[in-house]
Amino acid sequence: MEVMGQPADELAKAAAQQLWEDLSWYWPAFGGNGIGESNAVAALIRVLQKRSICEDIDRHPENSRFSFQAYTEVPSTPLLCGKDQGGPTATHRRLDLVVTWGCNENLEGMLLVEAKRLHDTSTADSLIRDIHRINEFSFIEENNHGAGVFEKLDRNYGLVVALTCDDAVASWWGHHFDLDKKDSPARIPDGKRAASWARLGDALSNLEGSIGGVEEFDLSEIFNKCTGYEYFLYAFFPRPLCAQ
């Protein structure tokens, strides 16, 4: 899968590296506590904007102005396919990030993003809802002339990002996307018991055409007396037809 004309996994790795460089300067949390997922969104925006390109190879770069737009906390219209997004309010219909790109005024694609800290049952449930929210997102058309253009873009992708310091969760997530492992991933991560984890695993497995993986950060590089890892989990996927 390519996003903005580049392999999706390379974009994810670049975003993870950017996040780690940021955190190496300053850790925006107390001690070894986890950092907010909005930091991952910020790093992703920087990488995507830096790497945004015109996908049409017939356009010469000297004659084309790259187009890149990033919108945060983007609300959706009511659901298209009738699935639950976690509640009726506008808050529950918002996406963390919507990015569009193209050349000049000719938009070519979009990426819809949700990010979470993933460590317990409630956040596993939230991530399942995030996937539904991305798949069923619809732009607000009232007084928004760009909405009709966005809805018709052929290159239409979703991305979920999860940050965790749980080794078992990271291993379990990676197993869903590791093509070298022929055995099926475990239903739940080691040490977890709630059915929410099984449902999240099913949701990841059901993302047709998805590409995902895990990037790790060695916390000992920042904290002298701290061992362990912070993990950047990701999954890119084409959005289904019902969302277009």
C-alpha atoms as a PDB file:
ATOM      1  CA  MET A   1       0.000   0.000   0.000  1.00  0.00           C
ATOM      2  CA  GLU A   2       1.202   3.493  -0.880  1.00  0.00           C
ATOM      3  CA  VAL A   3       0.067   6.730   0.724  1.00  0.00           C
ATOM      4  CA  MET A   4       1.106   9.950  -1.026  1.00  0.00           C
ATOM      5  CA  GLY A   5       3.042   7.796  -3.469  1.00  0.00           C
ATOM      6  CA  GLN A   6       5.197   6.255  -0.735  1.00  0.00           C
ATOM      7  CA  PRO A   7       5.076   2.914   1.106  1.00  0.00           C
ATOM      8  CA  ALA A   8       2.740   3.274   4.072  1.00  0.00           C
ATOM      9  CA  ASP A   9       5.047   1.435   6.459  1.00  0.00           C
ATOM     10  CA  GLU A  10       7.894   3.844   5.629  1.00  0.00           C
ATOM     11  CA  LEU A  11       5.670   6.788   6.564  1.00  0.00           C
ATOM     12  CA  ALA A  12       4.778   5.097   9.848  1.00  0.00           C
ATOM     13  CA  LYS A  13       8.420   4.415  10.667  1.00  0.00           C
ATOM     14  CA  ALA A  14       9.323   8.026   9.861  1.00  0.00           C
ATOM     15  CA  ALA A  15       6.523   9.287  12.122  1.00  0.00           C
ATOM     16  CA  ALA A  16       7.671   7.011  14.938  1.00  0.00           C
ATOM     17  CA  GLN A  17      11.251   8.232  14.512  1.00  0.00           C
ATOM     18  CA  GLN A  18      10.103  11.861  14.539  1.00  0.00           C
ATOM     19  CA  LEU A  19       8.137  11.225  17.722  1.00  0.00           C
ATOM     20  CA  TRP A  20      11.142   9.593  19.359  1.00  0.00           C
ATOM     21  CA  GLU A  21      13.385  12.522  18.414  1.00  0.00           C
ATOM     22  CA  ASP A  22      10.858  14.895  19.971  1.00  0.00           C
ATOM     23  CA  LEU A  23      10.645  12.827  23.148  1.00  0.00           C
ATOM     24  CA  SER A  24      14.420  12.644  23.390  1.00  0.00           C
ATOM     25  CA  TRP A  25      14.398  16.406  23.962  1.00  0.00           C
ATOM     26  CA  TYR A  26      11.465  16.530  26.336  1.00  0.00           C
ATOM     27  CA  TRP A  27       9.137  13.945  27.881  1.00  0.00           C
ATOM     28  CA  PRO A  28       5.713  15.646  28.238  1.00  0.00           C
ATOM     29  CA  ALA A  29       4.565  13.574  31.222  1.00  0.00           C
ATOM     30  CA  PHE A  30       5.603  12.831  34.789  1.00  0.00           C
ATOM     31  CA  GLY A  31       8.512  10.394  35.138  1.00  0.00           C
ATOM     32  CA  GLY A  32       8.039   7.263  33.093  1.00  0.00           C
ATOM     33  CA  ASN A  33       4.311   7.838  32.580  1.00  0.00           C
ATOM     34  CA  GLY A  34       2.978   7.463  29.084  1.00  0.00           C
ATOM     35  CA  ILE A  35       2.821  10.519  26.829  1.00  0.00           C
ATOM     36  CA  GLY A  36      -0.456  11.698  25.294  1.00  0.00           C
ATOM     37  CA  GLU A  37      -1.400  10.284  21.901  1.00  0.00           C
ATOM     38  CA  SER A  38      -1.715  13.806  20.467  1.00  0.00           C
ATOM     39  CA  ASN A  39       2.096  13.864  20.372  1.00  0.00           C
ATOM     40  CA  ALA A  40       1.989  11.011  17.857  1.00  0.00           C
ATOM     41  CA  VAL A  41      -0.533  12.955  15.755  1.00  0.00           C
ATOM     42  CA  ALA A  42       1.732  16.023  15.801  1.00  0.00           C
ATOM     43  CA  ALA A  43       4.746  13.975  14.682  1.00  0.00           C
ATOM     44  CA  LEU A  44       2.675  12.355  11.942  1.00  0.00           C
ATOM     45  CA  ILE A  45       1.565  15.735  10.567  1.00  0.00           C
ATOM     46  CA  ARG A  46       5.164  16.924  10.345  1.00  0.00           C
ATOM     47  CA  VAL A  47       6.289  13.803   8.496  1.00  0.00           C
ATOM     48  CA  LEU A  48       3.358  13.758   6.093  1.00  0.00           C
ATOM     49  CA  GLN A  49       3.755  17.418   5.216  1.00  0.00           C
ATOM     50  CA  LYS A  50       7.476  16.993   4.665  1.00  0.00           C
ATOM     51  CA  ARG A  51       6.906  14.004   2.381  1.00  0.00           C
ATOM     52  CA  SER A  52       3.779  15.156   0.537  1.00  0.00           C
ATOM     53  CA  ILE A  53       4.258  14.775  -3.208  1.00  0.00           C
ATOM     54  CA  CYS A  54       2.292  14.898  -6.438  1.00  0.00           C
ATOM     55  CA  GLU A  55       1.340  11.320  -7.286  1.00  0.00           C
ATOM     56  CA  ASP A  56       0.767  12.000 -10.996  1.00  0.00           C
ATOM     57  CA  ILE A  57       4.152  11.245 -12.583  1.00  0.00           C
ATOM     58  CA  ASP A  58       3.217  13.247 -15.700  1.00  0.00           C
ATOM     59  CA  ARG A  59       3.369  16.466 -13.696  1.00  0.00           C
ATOM     60  CA  HIS A  60       6.813  17.967 -13.530  1.00  0.00           C
ATOM     61  CA  PRO A  61       7.715  19.182 -10.038  1.00  0.00           C
ATOM     62  CA  GLU A  62       8.799  22.567 -11.381  1.00  0.00           C
ATOM     63  CA  ASN A  63       5.331  23.134 -12.790  1.00  0.00           C
ATOM     64  CA  SER A  64       3.339  21.787  -9.846  1.00  0.00           C
ATOM     65  CA  ARG A  65       2.692  23.184  -6.405  1.00  0.00           C
ATOM     66  CA  PHE A  66       2.330  20.447  -3.849  1.00  0.00           C
ATOM     67  CA  SER A  67      -0.945  20.622  -1.954  1.00  0.00           C
ATOM     68  CA  PHE A  68      -1.222  19.489   1.659  1.00  0.00           C
ATOM     69  CA  GLN A  69      -3.977  20.139   4.175  1.00  0.00           C
ATOM     70  CA  ALA A  70      -4.230  18.909   7.780  1.00  0.00           C
ATOM     71  CA  TYR A  71      -7.354  19.228   9.941  1.00  0.00           C
ATOM     72  CA  THR A  72      -7.604  18.157  13.592  1.00  0.00           C
ATOM     73  CA  GLU A  73     -10.671  17.279  15.689  1.00  0.00           C
ATOM     74  CA  VAL A  74     -12.759  16.933  12.526  1.00  0.00           C
ATOM     75  CA  PRO A  75     -16.485  16.255  13.115  1.00  0.00           C
ATOM     76  CA  SER A  76     -18.468  13.840  10.981  1.00  0.00           C
ATOM     77  CA  THR A  77     -22.058  14.008   9.777  1.00  0.00           C
ATOM     78  CA  PRO A  78     -24.419  11.269  11.070  1.00  0.00           C
ATOM     79  CA  LEU A  79     -23.452   7.708  10.243  1.00  0.00           C
ATOM     80  CA  LEU A  80     -23.751   6.305   6.736  1.00  0.00           C
ATOM     81  CA  CYS A  81     -23.886   2.583   7.521  1.00  0.00           C
ATOM     82  CA  GLY A  82     -25.698   2.615  10.831  1.00  0.00           C
ATOM     83  CA  LYS A  83     -22.982   1.266  13.142  1.00  0.00           C
ATOM     84  CA  ASP A  84     -22.339   2.524  16.657  1.00  0.00           C
ATOM     85  CA  GLN A  85     -19.626   5.145  17.081  1.00  0.00           C
ATOM     86  CA  GLY A  86     -19.885   5.304  20.840  1.00  0.00           C
ATOM     87  CA  GLY A  87     -22.610   7.904  21.300  1.00  0.00           C
ATOM     88  CA  PRO A  88     -24.805  10.497  19.638  1.00  0.00           C
ATOM     89  CA  THR A  89     -22.816  13.645  20.397  1.00  0.00           C
ATOM     90  CA  ALA A  90     -20.509  15.465  18.008  1.00  0.00           C
ATOM     91  CA  THR A  91     -17.548  14.610  20.257  1.00  0.00           C
ATOM     92  CA  HIS A  92     -17.981  10.933  19.501  1.00  0.00           C
ATOM     93  CA  ARG A  93     -17.995  11.623  15.767  1.00  0.00           C
ATOM     94  CA  ARG A  94     -14.709  13.524  15.655  1.00  0.00           C
ATOM     95  CA  LEU A  95     -11.490  12.247  14.133  1.00  0.00           C
ATOM     96  CA  ASP A  96      -8.108  13.218  15.519  1.00  0.00           C
ATOM     97  CA  LEU A  97      -6.731  14.079  12.087  1.00  0.00           C
ATOM     98  CA  VAL A  98      -7.767  14.310   8.433  1.00  0.00           C
ATOM     99  CA  VAL A  99      -5.037  14.922   5.846  1.00  0.00           C
ATOM    100  CA  THR A 100      -5.516  15.586   2.122  1.00  0.00           C
ATOM    101  CA  TRP A 101      -2.889  15.999  -0.564  1.00  0.00           C
ATOM    102  CA  GLY A 102      -2.421  16.569  -4.283  1.00  0.00           C
ATOM    103  CA  CYS A 103      -0.994  19.013  -6.822  1.00  0.00           C
ATOM    104  CA  ASN A 104      -2.106  22.620  -7.177  1.00  0.00           C
ATOM    105  CA  GLU A 105      -5.890  22.569  -6.781  1.00  0.00           C
ATOM    106  CA  ASN A 106      -6.174  18.918  -7.835  1.00  0.00           C
ATOM    107  CA  LEU A 107      -6.541  16.856  -4.666  1.00  0.00           C
ATOM    108  CA  GLU A 108      -5.543  13.205  -5.015  1.00  0.00           C
ATOM    109  CA  GLY A 109      -6.008  11.438  -1.712  1.00  0.00           C
ATOM    110  CA  MET A 110      -6.840  11.586   1.968  1.00  0.00           C
ATOM    111  CA  LEU A 111      -5.865   9.864   5.193  1.00  0.00           C
ATOM    112  CA  LEU A 112      -8.158   9.698   8.239  1.00  0.00           C
ATOM    113  CA  VAL A 113      -6.391   9.120  11.560  1.00  0.00           C
ATOM    114  CA  GLU A 114      -7.277   8.138  15.120  1.00  0.00           C
ATOM    115  CA  ALA A 115      -4.668   7.734  17.884  1.00  0.00           C
ATOM    116  CA  LYS A 116      -4.907   6.183  21.345  1.00  0.00           C
ATOM    117  CA  ARG A 117      -2.888   5.052  24.317  1.00  0.00           C
ATOM    118  CA  LEU A 118      -3.505   1.310  24.441  1.00  0.00           C
ATOM    119  CA  HIS A 119      -3.064  -0.451  27.763  1.00  0.00           C
ATOM    120  CA  ASP A 120      -6.375  -1.595  29.260  1.00  0.00           C
ATOM    121  CA  THR A 121      -9.838  -2.890  28.444  1.00  0.00           C
ATOM    122  CA  SER A 122     -11.429   0.538  28.009  1.00  0.00           C
ATOM    123  CA  THR A 123      -8.816   1.685  25.507  1.00  0.00           C
ATOM    124  CA  ALA A 124      -9.112  -1.575  23.569  1.00  0.00           C
ATOM    125  CA  ASP A 125     -12.848  -0.904  23.254  1.00  0.00           C
ATOM    126  CA  SER A 126     -12.134   2.692  22.259  1.00  0.00           C
ATOM    127  CA  LEU A 127      -9.813   1.606  19.474  1.00  0.00           C
ATOM    128  CA  ILE A 128     -12.504  -0.662  18.038  1.00  0.00           C
ATOM    129  CA  ARG A 129     -14.841   2.339  17.945  1.00  0.00           C
ATOM    130  CA  ASP A 130     -12.076   4.397  16.332  1.00  0.00           C
ATOM    131  CA  ILE A 131     -11.870   1.942  13.445  1.00  0.00           C
ATOM    132  CA  HIS A 132     -15.652   2.186  12.947  1.00  0.00           C
ATOM    133  CA  ARG A 133     -15.444   5.980  13.179  1.00  0.00           C
ATOM    134  CA  ILE A 134     -12.818   6.117  10.428  1.00  0.00           C
ATOM    135  CA  ASN A 135     -14.673   3.680   8.190  1.00  0.00           C
ATOM    136  CA  GLU A 136     -17.977   5.533   8.472  1.00  0.00           C
ATOM    137  CA  PHE A 137     -16.731   9.110   8.545  1.00  0.00           C
ATOM    138  CA  SER A 138     -18.569  11.582   6.308  1.00  0.00           C
ATOM    139  CA  PHE A 139     -17.601  15.211   5.685  1.00  0.00           C
ATOM    140  CA  ILE A 140     -19.936  18.049   6.611  1.00  0.00           C
ATOM    141  CA  GLU A 141     -21.275  19.562   3.391  1.00  0.00           C
ATOM    142  CA  GLU A 142     -23.078  22.613   4.741  1.00  0.00           C
ATOM    143  CA  ASN A 143     -21.027  25.726   3.863  1.00  0.00           C
ATOM    144  CA  ASN A 144     -18.057  23.503   2.996  1.00  0.00           C
ATOM    145  CA  HIS A 145     -17.358  23.510  -0.738  1.00  0.00           C
ATOM    146  CA  GLY A 146     -14.439  21.102  -0.247  1.00  0.00           C
ATOM    147  CA  ALA A 147     -16.581  18.334   1.250  1.00  0.00           C
ATOM    148  CA  GLY A 148     -17.887  17.127  -2.101  1.00  0.00           C
ATOM    149  CA  VAL A 149     -14.343  16.950  -3.469  1.00  0.00           C
ATOM    150  CA  PHE A 150     -13.044  15.038  -0.456  1.00  0.00           C
ATOM    151  CA  GLU A 151     -15.805  12.447  -0.663  1.00  0.00           C
ATOM    152  CA  LYS A 152     -14.869  11.583  -4.253  1.00  0.00           C
ATOM    153  CA  LEU A 153     -11.138  11.013  -3.772  1.00  0.00           C
ATOM    154  CA  ASP A 154     -10.102   7.534  -4.942  1.00  0.00           C
ATOM    155  CA  ARG A 155      -7.066   7.294  -2.676  1.00  0.00           C
ATOM    156  CA  ASN A 156      -8.933   7.017   0.586  1.00  0.00           C
ATOM    157  CA  TYR A 157      -7.201   5.492   3.618  1.00  0.00           C
ATOM    158  CA  GLY A 158      -7.572   5.081   7.344  1.00  0.00           C
ATOM    159  CA  LEU A 159      -4.837   4.879   9.973  1.00  0.00           C
ATOM    160  CA  VAL A 160      -5.021   3.915  13.632  1.00  0.00           C
ATOM    161  CA  VAL A 161      -2.021   4.617  15.864  1.00  0.00           C
ATOM    162  CA  ALA A 162      -1.659   3.257  19.377  1.00  0.00           C
ATOM    163  CA  LEU A 163       1.032   4.032  21.933  1.00  0.00           C
ATOM    164  CA  THR A 164       1.784   1.514  24.669  1.00  0.00           C
ATOM    165  CA  CYS A 165       4.537   0.439  27.037  1.00  0.00           C
ATOM    166  CA  ASP A 166       3.045  -3.047  27.385  1.00  0.00           C
ATOM    167  CA  ASP A 167       5.405  -5.601  25.789  1.00  0.00           C
ATOM    168  CA  ALA A 168       2.664  -8.236  25.468  1.00  0.00           C
ATOM    169  CA  VAL A 169       0.289  -5.858  23.704  1.00  0.00           C
ATOM    170  CA  ALA A 170       3.010  -4.775  21.275  1.00  0.00           C
ATOM    171  CA  SER A 171       3.947  -8.372  20.456  1.00  0.00           C
ATOM    172  CA  TRP A 172       0.293  -9.327  19.981  1.00  0.00           C
ATOM    173  CA  TRP A 173      -0.352  -6.344  17.692  1.00  0.00           C
ATOM    174  CA  GLY A 174       2.725  -7.041  15.589  1.00  0.00           C
ATOM    175  CA  HIS A 175       1.741 -10.669  15.149  1.00  0.00           C
ATOM    176  CA  HIS A 176      -1.407  -9.572  13.291  1.00  0.00           C
ATOM    177  CA  PHE A 177       0.724  -7.949  10.577  1.00  0.00           C
ATOM    178  CA  ASP A 178       3.873 -10.108  10.505  1.00  0.00           C
ATOM    179  CA  LEU A 179       3.725 -11.985   7.213  1.00  0.00           C
ATOM    180  CA  ASP A 180       6.694 -14.155   8.207  1.00  0.00           C
ATOM    181  CA  LYS A 181       4.673 -15.829  10.966  1.00  0.00           C
ATOM    182  CA  LYS A 182       2.512 -18.567   9.544  1.00  0.00           C
ATOM    183  CA  ASP A 183       0.618 -19.323  12.746  1.00  0.00           C
ATOM    184  CA  SER A 184      -2.434 -17.308  13.733  1.00  0.00           C
ATOM    185  CA  PRO A 185      -2.035 -14.512  16.303  1.00  0.00           C
ATOM    186  CA  ALA A 186      -3.230 -15.214  19.819  1.00  0.00           C
ATOM    187  CA  ARG A 187      -6.799 -14.181  20.564  1.00  0.00           C
ATOM    188  CA  ILE A 188      -5.668 -11.900  23.391  1.00  0.00           C
ATOM    189  CA  PRO A 189      -2.278 -10.542  24.576  1.00  0.00           C
ATOM    190  CA  ASP A 190      -0.472 -12.446  27.300  1.00  0.00           C
ATOM    191  CA  GLY A 191      -1.783 -11.484  30.713  1.00  0.00           C
ATOM    192  CA  LYS A 192      -5.038  -9.997  29.410  1.00  0.00           C
ATOM    193  CA  ARG A 193      -8.401 -11.610  30.080  1.00  0.00           C
ATOM    194  CA  ALA A 194     -11.143  -9.287  28.867  1.00  0.00           C
ATOM    195  CA  ALA A 195     -13.049 -10.151  25.705  1.00  0.00           C
ATOM    196  CA  SER A 196     -12.391  -6.625  24.436  1.00  0.00           C
ATOM    197  CA  TRP A 197      -8.916  -7.684  23.374  1.00  0.00           C
ATOM    198  CA  ALA A 198     -10.305 -10.544  21.301  1.00  0.00           C
ATOM    199  CA  ARG A 199     -12.740  -8.144  19.644  1.00  0.00           C
ATOM    200  CA  LEU A 200      -9.930  -5.712  18.878  1.00  0.00           C
ATOM    201  CA  GLY A 201      -7.857  -8.539  17.410  1.00  0.00           C
ATOM    202  CA  ASP A 202     -10.804  -9.502  15.206  1.00  0.00           C
ATOM    203  CA  ALA A 203     -11.203  -5.879  14.105  1.00  0.00           C
ATOM    204  CA  LEU A 204      -7.535  -5.701  13.108  1.00  0.00           C
ATOM    205  CA  SER A 205      -7.697  -9.031  11.278  1.00  0.00           C
ATOM    206  CA  ASN A 206     -10.780  -7.877   9.375  1.00  0.00           C
ATOM    207  CA  LEU A 207      -9.109  -4.768   7.948  1.00  0.00           C
ATOM    208  CA  GLU A 208      -8.863  -5.881   4.322  1.00  0.00           C
ATOM    209  CA  GLY A 209      -5.687  -4.848   2.527  1.00  0.00           C
ATOM    210  CA  SER A 210      -4.180  -3.440   5.730  1.00  0.00           C
ATOM    211  CA  ILE A 211      -0.511  -2.853   6.511  1.00  0.00           C
ATOM    212  CA  GLY A 212       0.618  -2.511  10.101  1.00  0.00           C
ATOM    213  CA  GLY A 213       3.452  -3.033  12.482  1.00  0.00           C
ATOM    214  CA  VAL A 214       5.317  -1.958  15.605  1.00  0.00           C
ATOM    215  CA  GLU A 215       8.148   0.512  16.185  1.00  0.00           C
ATOM    216  CA  GLU A 216       9.888   0.500  19.569  1.00  0.00           C
ATOM    217  CA  PHE A 217      11.626   3.178  21.628  1.00  0.00           C
ATOM    218  CA  ASP A 218      14.235   2.221  24.228  1.00  0.00           C
ATOM    219  CA  LEU A 219      13.336   4.228  27.335  1.00  0.00           C
ATOM    220  CA  SER A 220      16.837   3.812  28.779  1.00  0.00           C
ATOM    221  CA  GLU A 221      18.018   6.283  26.140  1.00  0.00           C
ATOM    222  CA  ILE A 222      16.003   8.989  27.907  1.00  0.00           C
ATOM    223  CA  PHE A 223      15.721   7.885  31.530  1.00  0.00           C
ATOM    224  CA  ASN A 224      18.957   6.803  33.201  1.00  0.00           C
ATOM    225  CA  LYS A 225      17.284   4.460  35.670  1.00  0.00           C
ATOM    226  CA  CYS A 226      14.463   3.256  33.441  1.00  0.00           C
ATOM    227  CA  THR A 227      14.331   0.055  31.419  1.00  0.00           C
ATOM    228  CA  GLY A 228      11.725  -1.076  28.959  1.00  0.00           C
ATOM    229  CA  TYR A 229      10.176   0.253  25.787  1.00  0.00           C
ATOM    230  CA  GLU A 230       7.532   2.586  24.502  1.00  0.00           C
ATOM    231  CA  TYR A 231       5.851   1.187  21.376  1.00  0.00           C
ATOM    232  CA  PHE A 232       4.326   2.929  18.349  1.00  0.00           C
ATOM    233  CA  LEU A 233       1.678   0.592  16.912  1.00  0.00           C
ATOM    234  CA  TYR A 234       0.046   1.360  13.567  1.00  0.00           C
ATOM    235  CA  ALA A 235      -2.354  -0.024  10.975  1.00  0.00           C
ATOM    236  CA  PHE A 236      -3.116   1.537   7.572  1.00  0.00           C
ATOM    237  CA  PHE A 237      -6.164   0.309   5.656  1.00  0.00           C
ATOM    238  CA  PRO A 238      -8.301   1.287   2.639  1.00  0.00           C
ATOM    239  CA  ARG A 239     -11.653   2.707   3.683  1.00  0.00           C
ATOM    240  CA  PRO A 240     -14.718   0.681   2.623  1.00  0.00           C
ATOM    241  CA  LEU A 241     -17.124   1.739  -0.107  1.00  0.00           C
ATOM    242  CA  CYS A 242     -19.910   2.620   2.328  1.00  0.00           C
ATOM    243  CA  ALA A 243     -17.798   5.532   3.547  1.00  0.00           C
ATOM    244  CA  GLN A 244     -17.397   7.068   0.100  1.00  0.00           C
END
